[in-house]
Amino acid sequence: MRIGFGYDVHPFEKNKKLYIGGVEIPAEKGLKGHSDGDVLIHSIIDALLGALGMENIGQLFPETEEYKNIDSKILLKKTMEKLKNIKIINIDSTVITSYVKINQYKNEMKKILSNLMNIDESQINIKGKSGNGLGIGGKNEGIEAYAVVLIENGS
């Protein structure tokens, strides 16, 4: 059994769509990033990589033309292809934002993520927190996400 921890943060950018957990959320601004800026998926990828002592998301998917504006769901799928011998036991994640409320999107996020990782939705937990006016997410400067994964390494 191995544990991995992931974190991601992106500032806001006007005229960009907002994606969290693979779900497009109606909003006036999205997240600035080389890809689509999906902080939840990025934190999960980093947690998976960290559980195996591998490089981080930026090293695996560098800021090149190949990955410019890429859908983060594709990055998660590519990550899972590299991690063939693992069994995900569970994922616990927290999204910190005072900009949008994610509770109404959590079930859709779980469905998308479970399909991409070939696990049951019950193995994924997503919590939304406001930040209480503190930090990047709480001060409405951007959105942060944390993820912890427990895996069984079959290799």
C-alpha atoms as a PDB file:
ATOM      1  CA  MET A   1       0.000   0.000   0.000  1.00  0.00           C
ATOM      2  CA  ARG A   2       1.230   3.487  -0.841  1.00  0.00           C
ATOM      3  CA  ILE A   3      -0.103   6.981  -0.138  1.00  0.00           C
ATOM      4  CA  GLY A   4       0.303   9.961  -2.459  1.00  0.00           C
ATOM      5  CA  PHE A   5      -0.446  13.632  -1.888  1.00  0.00           C
ATOM      6  CA  GLY A   6      -1.176  16.197  -4.585  1.00  0.00           C
ATOM      7  CA  TYR A   7      -1.752  19.943  -4.647  1.00  0.00           C
ATOM      8  CA  ASP A   8      -2.492  22.407  -7.418  1.00  0.00           C
ATOM      9  CA  VAL A   9      -3.431  26.061  -7.678  1.00  0.00           C
ATOM     10  CA  HIS A  10      -4.215  28.345 -10.606  1.00  0.00           C
ATOM     11  CA  PRO A  11      -5.107  32.039 -10.746  1.00  0.00           C
ATOM     12  CA  PHE A  12      -8.147  33.235 -12.647  1.00  0.00           C
ATOM     13  CA  GLU A  13      -8.098  34.260 -16.299  1.00  0.00           C
ATOM     14  CA  LYS A  14     -10.856  36.100 -18.147  1.00  0.00           C
ATOM     15  CA  ASN A  15     -12.256  34.707 -21.398  1.00  0.00           C
ATOM     16  CA  LYS A  16     -11.425  31.124 -20.441  1.00  0.00           C
ATOM     17  CA  LYS A  17     -13.785  28.287 -19.504  1.00  0.00           C
ATOM     18  CA  LEU A  18     -13.728  26.947 -15.940  1.00  0.00           C
ATOM     19  CA  TYR A  19     -13.129  23.224 -15.493  1.00  0.00           C
ATOM     20  CA  ILE A  20     -13.023  21.418 -12.163  1.00  0.00           C
ATOM     21  CA  GLY A  21     -12.952  17.625 -11.979  1.00  0.00           C
ATOM     22  CA  GLY A  22     -13.544  17.379 -15.709  1.00  0.00           C
ATOM     23  CA  VAL A  23     -16.788  19.353 -15.467  1.00  0.00           C
ATOM     24  CA  GLU A  24     -17.289  22.671 -17.225  1.00  0.00           C
ATOM     25  CA  ILE A  25     -18.749  25.033 -14.633  1.00  0.00           C
ATOM     26  CA  PRO A  26     -20.588  28.139 -15.867  1.00  0.00           C
ATOM     27  CA  ALA A  27     -18.535  31.143 -14.754  1.00  0.00           C
ATOM     28  CA  GLU A  28     -17.272  34.492 -16.015  1.00  0.00           C
ATOM     29  CA  LYS A  29     -13.636  33.388 -15.822  1.00  0.00           C
ATOM     30  CA  GLY A  30     -11.634  30.210 -15.888  1.00  0.00           C
ATOM     31  CA  LEU A  31      -8.211  29.218 -14.611  1.00  0.00           C
ATOM     32  CA  LYS A  32      -4.929  30.331 -16.131  1.00  0.00           C
ATOM     33  CA  GLY A  33      -2.653  27.471 -17.063  1.00  0.00           C
ATOM     34  CA  HIS A  34      -0.804  25.801 -19.899  1.00  0.00           C
ATOM     35  CA  SER A  35      -3.598  23.219 -20.077  1.00  0.00           C
ATOM     36  CA  ASP A  36      -7.249  23.842 -19.206  1.00  0.00           C
ATOM     37  CA  GLY A  37      -6.182  24.541 -15.595  1.00  0.00           C
ATOM     38  CA  ASP A  38      -8.317  21.827 -13.955  1.00  0.00           C
ATOM     39  CA  VAL A  39      -6.877  21.993 -10.429  1.00  0.00           C
ATOM     40  CA  LEU A  40      -8.730  18.920  -9.138  1.00  0.00           C
ATOM     41  CA  ILE A  41      -7.527  16.608 -11.882  1.00  0.00           C
ATOM     42  CA  HIS A  42      -4.004  18.038 -11.606  1.00  0.00           C
ATOM     43  CA  SER A  43      -3.886  17.404  -7.853  1.00  0.00           C
ATOM     44  CA  ILE A  44      -5.114  13.825  -8.363  1.00  0.00           C
ATOM     45  CA  ILE A  45      -2.455  13.212 -11.036  1.00  0.00           C
ATOM     46  CA  ASP A  46       0.260  14.522  -8.699  1.00  0.00           C
ATOM     47  CA  ALA A  47      -1.046  12.349  -5.855  1.00  0.00           C
ATOM     48  CA  LEU A  48      -0.971   9.238  -8.067  1.00  0.00           C
ATOM     49  CA  LEU A  49       2.543  10.029  -9.279  1.00  0.00           C
ATOM     50  CA  GLY A  50       3.687  10.821  -5.743  1.00  0.00           C
ATOM     51  CA  ALA A  51       2.401   7.487  -4.419  1.00  0.00           C
ATOM     52  CA  LEU A  52       4.868   5.787  -6.750  1.00  0.00           C
ATOM     53  CA  GLY A  53       7.728   8.240  -6.225  1.00  0.00           C
ATOM     54  CA  MET A  54       7.499   9.439  -9.817  1.00  0.00           C
ATOM     55  CA  GLU A  55       7.971  12.904 -11.320  1.00  0.00           C
ATOM     56  CA  ASN A  56       5.283  15.536 -10.926  1.00  0.00           C
ATOM     57  CA  ILE A  57       2.668  16.565 -13.486  1.00  0.00           C
ATOM     58  CA  GLY A  58       4.828  19.398 -14.827  1.00  0.00           C
ATOM     59  CA  GLN A  59       7.679  17.008 -15.578  1.00  0.00           C
ATOM     60  CA  LEU A  60       5.430  14.339 -17.071  1.00  0.00           C
ATOM     61  CA  PHE A  61       3.482  16.852 -19.177  1.00  0.00           C
ATOM     62  CA  PRO A  62       5.803  19.848 -19.752  1.00  0.00           C
ATOM     63  CA  GLU A  63       4.701  23.226 -21.074  1.00  0.00           C
ATOM     64  CA  THR A  64       5.196  22.340 -24.734  1.00  0.00           C
ATOM     65  CA  GLU A  65       2.941  22.793 -27.761  1.00  0.00           C
ATOM     66  CA  GLU A  66       1.851  19.152 -27.411  1.00  0.00           C
ATOM     67  CA  TYR A  67       0.074  19.942 -24.134  1.00  0.00           C
ATOM     68  CA  LYS A  68      -0.965  23.572 -24.732  1.00  0.00           C
ATOM     69  CA  ASN A  69      -4.663  24.026 -23.812  1.00  0.00           C
ATOM     70  CA  ILE A  70      -5.048  20.242 -23.469  1.00  0.00           C
ATOM     71  CA  ASP A  71      -8.091  18.828 -21.708  1.00  0.00           C
ATOM     72  CA  SER A  72      -6.912  17.598 -18.293  1.00  0.00           C
ATOM     73  CA  LYS A  73      -9.081  14.493 -18.670  1.00  0.00           C
ATOM     74  CA  ILE A  74      -6.649  13.440 -21.410  1.00  0.00           C
ATOM     75  CA  LEU A  75      -3.724  14.014 -19.030  1.00  0.00           C
ATOM     76  CA  LEU A  76      -5.379  11.803 -16.394  1.00  0.00           C
ATOM     77  CA  LYS A  77      -6.046   9.101 -18.964  1.00  0.00           C
ATOM     78  CA  LYS A  78      -2.389   9.224 -20.101  1.00  0.00           C
ATOM     79  CA  THR A  79      -1.277   9.044 -16.464  1.00  0.00           C
ATOM     80  CA  MET A  80      -3.412   5.960 -15.851  1.00  0.00           C
ATOM     81  CA  GLU A  81      -1.896   4.299 -18.926  1.00  0.00           C
ATOM     82  CA  LYS A  82       1.557   4.749 -17.357  1.00  0.00           C
ATOM     83  CA  LEU A  83       0.390   3.335 -13.998  1.00  0.00           C
ATOM     84  CA  LYS A  84      -0.776  -0.077 -15.197  1.00  0.00           C
ATOM     85  CA  ASN A  85       0.092  -2.117 -12.118  1.00  0.00           C
ATOM     86  CA  ILE A  86      -1.732  -0.112  -9.454  1.00  0.00           C
ATOM     87  CA  LYS A  87      -5.069  -0.552  -7.781  1.00  0.00           C
ATOM     88  CA  ILE A  88      -6.614   2.648  -6.456  1.00  0.00           C
ATOM     89  CA  ILE A  89      -8.176   2.042  -3.057  1.00  0.00           C
ATOM     90  CA  ASN A  90      -9.567   5.546  -2.572  1.00  0.00           C
ATOM     91  CA  ILE A  91      -9.108   9.241  -3.322  1.00  0.00           C
ATOM     92  CA  ASP A  92      -9.960  12.045  -0.929  1.00  0.00           C
ATOM     93  CA  SER A  93      -9.858  15.582  -2.308  1.00  0.00           C
ATOM     94  CA  THR A  94     -10.667  19.150  -1.339  1.00  0.00           C
ATOM     95  CA  VAL A  95     -11.297  22.096  -3.671  1.00  0.00           C
ATOM     96  CA  ILE A  96     -10.896  25.526  -2.093  1.00  0.00           C
ATOM     97  CA  THR A  97     -12.833  28.286  -3.805  1.00  0.00           C
ATOM     98  CA  SER A  98     -15.094  31.127  -2.824  1.00  0.00           C
ATOM     99  CA  TYR A  99     -15.754  31.808  -6.520  1.00  0.00           C
ATOM    100  CA  VAL A 100     -18.118  28.908  -7.257  1.00  0.00           C
ATOM    101  CA  LYS A 101     -19.970  26.322  -5.221  1.00  0.00           C
ATOM    102  CA  ILE A 102     -18.973  22.846  -6.376  1.00  0.00           C
ATOM    103  CA  ASN A 103     -21.470  20.766  -4.366  1.00  0.00           C
ATOM    104  CA  GLN A 104     -23.983  20.622  -7.227  1.00  0.00           C
ATOM    105  CA  TYR A 105     -21.259  19.304  -9.588  1.00  0.00           C
ATOM    106  CA  LYS A 106     -19.664  16.678  -7.319  1.00  0.00           C
ATOM    107  CA  ASN A 107     -21.649  13.698  -8.600  1.00  0.00           C
ATOM    108  CA  GLU A 108     -20.819  14.551 -12.206  1.00  0.00           C
ATOM    109  CA  MET A 109     -17.145  14.990 -11.252  1.00  0.00           C
ATOM    110  CA  LYS A 110     -17.110  11.596  -9.536  1.00  0.00           C
ATOM    111  CA  LYS A 111     -18.679   9.948 -12.566  1.00  0.00           C
ATOM    112  CA  ILE A 112     -16.113  11.443 -14.952  1.00  0.00           C
ATOM    113  CA  LEU A 113     -13.162  10.675 -12.679  1.00  0.00           C
ATOM    114  CA  SER A 114     -14.296   7.123 -11.925  1.00  0.00           C
ATOM    115  CA  ASN A 115     -14.632   6.386 -15.647  1.00  0.00           C
ATOM    116  CA  LEU A 116     -11.173   7.801 -16.394  1.00  0.00           C
ATOM    117  CA  MET A 117      -9.533   5.813 -13.587  1.00  0.00           C
ATOM    118  CA  ASN A 118     -11.706   2.697 -13.920  1.00  0.00           C
ATOM    119  CA  ILE A 119     -12.780   2.763 -10.265  1.00  0.00           C
ATOM    120  CA  ASP A 120     -16.124   2.993  -8.507  1.00  0.00           C
ATOM    121  CA  GLU A 121     -17.541   6.427  -7.706  1.00  0.00           C
ATOM    122  CA  SER A 122     -17.684   5.401  -4.040  1.00  0.00           C
ATOM    123  CA  GLN A 123     -13.870   5.346  -4.025  1.00  0.00           C
ATOM    124  CA  ILE A 124     -13.746   9.099  -4.718  1.00  0.00           C
ATOM    125  CA  ASN A 125     -14.518  11.815  -2.200  1.00  0.00           C
ATOM    126  CA  ILE A 126     -14.674  15.488  -3.228  1.00  0.00           C
ATOM    127  CA  LYS A 127     -15.182  18.278  -0.718  1.00  0.00           C
ATOM    128  CA  GLY A 128     -15.730  21.947  -1.473  1.00  0.00           C
ATOM    129  CA  LYS A 129     -14.455  24.551   0.987  1.00  0.00           C
ATOM    130  CA  SER A 130     -14.823  28.332   0.855  1.00  0.00           C
ATOM    131  CA  GLY A 131     -11.473  29.223   2.406  1.00  0.00           C
ATOM    132  CA  ASN A 132     -13.238  31.601   4.815  1.00  0.00           C
ATOM    133  CA  GLY A 133     -11.689  34.644   3.176  1.00  0.00           C
ATOM    134  CA  LEU A 134      -8.133  33.317   3.547  1.00  0.00           C
ATOM    135  CA  GLY A 135      -5.596  32.096   1.003  1.00  0.00           C
ATOM    136  CA  ILE A 136      -5.850  32.116  -2.774  1.00  0.00           C
ATOM    137  CA  GLY A 137      -9.165  30.260  -2.938  1.00  0.00           C
ATOM    138  CA  GLY A 138     -10.692  32.107  -0.011  1.00  0.00           C
ATOM    139  CA  LYS A 139      -9.670  35.557  -1.261  1.00  0.00           C
ATOM    140  CA  ASN A 140     -11.096  34.807  -4.713  1.00  0.00           C
ATOM    141  CA  GLU A 141      -7.680  35.081  -6.424  1.00  0.00           C
ATOM    142  CA  GLY A 142      -7.843  31.588  -7.916  1.00  0.00           C
ATOM    143  CA  ILE A 143      -8.746  28.007  -7.026  1.00  0.00           C
ATOM    144  CA  GLU A 144      -6.769  25.427  -5.059  1.00  0.00           C
ATOM    145  CA  ALA A 145      -7.143  21.650  -4.821  1.00  0.00           C
ATOM    146  CA  TYR A 146      -5.638  18.968  -2.605  1.00  0.00           C
ATOM    147  CA  ALA A 147      -5.825  15.212  -3.135  1.00  0.00           C
ATOM    148  CA  VAL A 148      -4.686  12.157  -1.219  1.00  0.00           C
ATOM    149  CA  VAL A 149      -4.708   8.699  -2.801  1.00  0.00           C
ATOM    150  CA  LEU A 150      -4.233   5.256  -1.355  1.00  0.00           C
ATOM    151  CA  ILE A 151      -3.049   2.671  -3.842  1.00  0.00           C
ATOM    152  CA  GLU A 152      -1.966  -0.911  -3.884  1.00  0.00           C
ATOM    153  CA  ASN A 153       1.136  -1.302  -6.018  1.00  0.00           C
ATOM    154  CA  GLY A 154       1.085  -4.527  -7.991  1.00  0.00           C
ATOM    155  CA  SER A 155       4.575  -4.212  -9.483  1.00  0.00           C
END
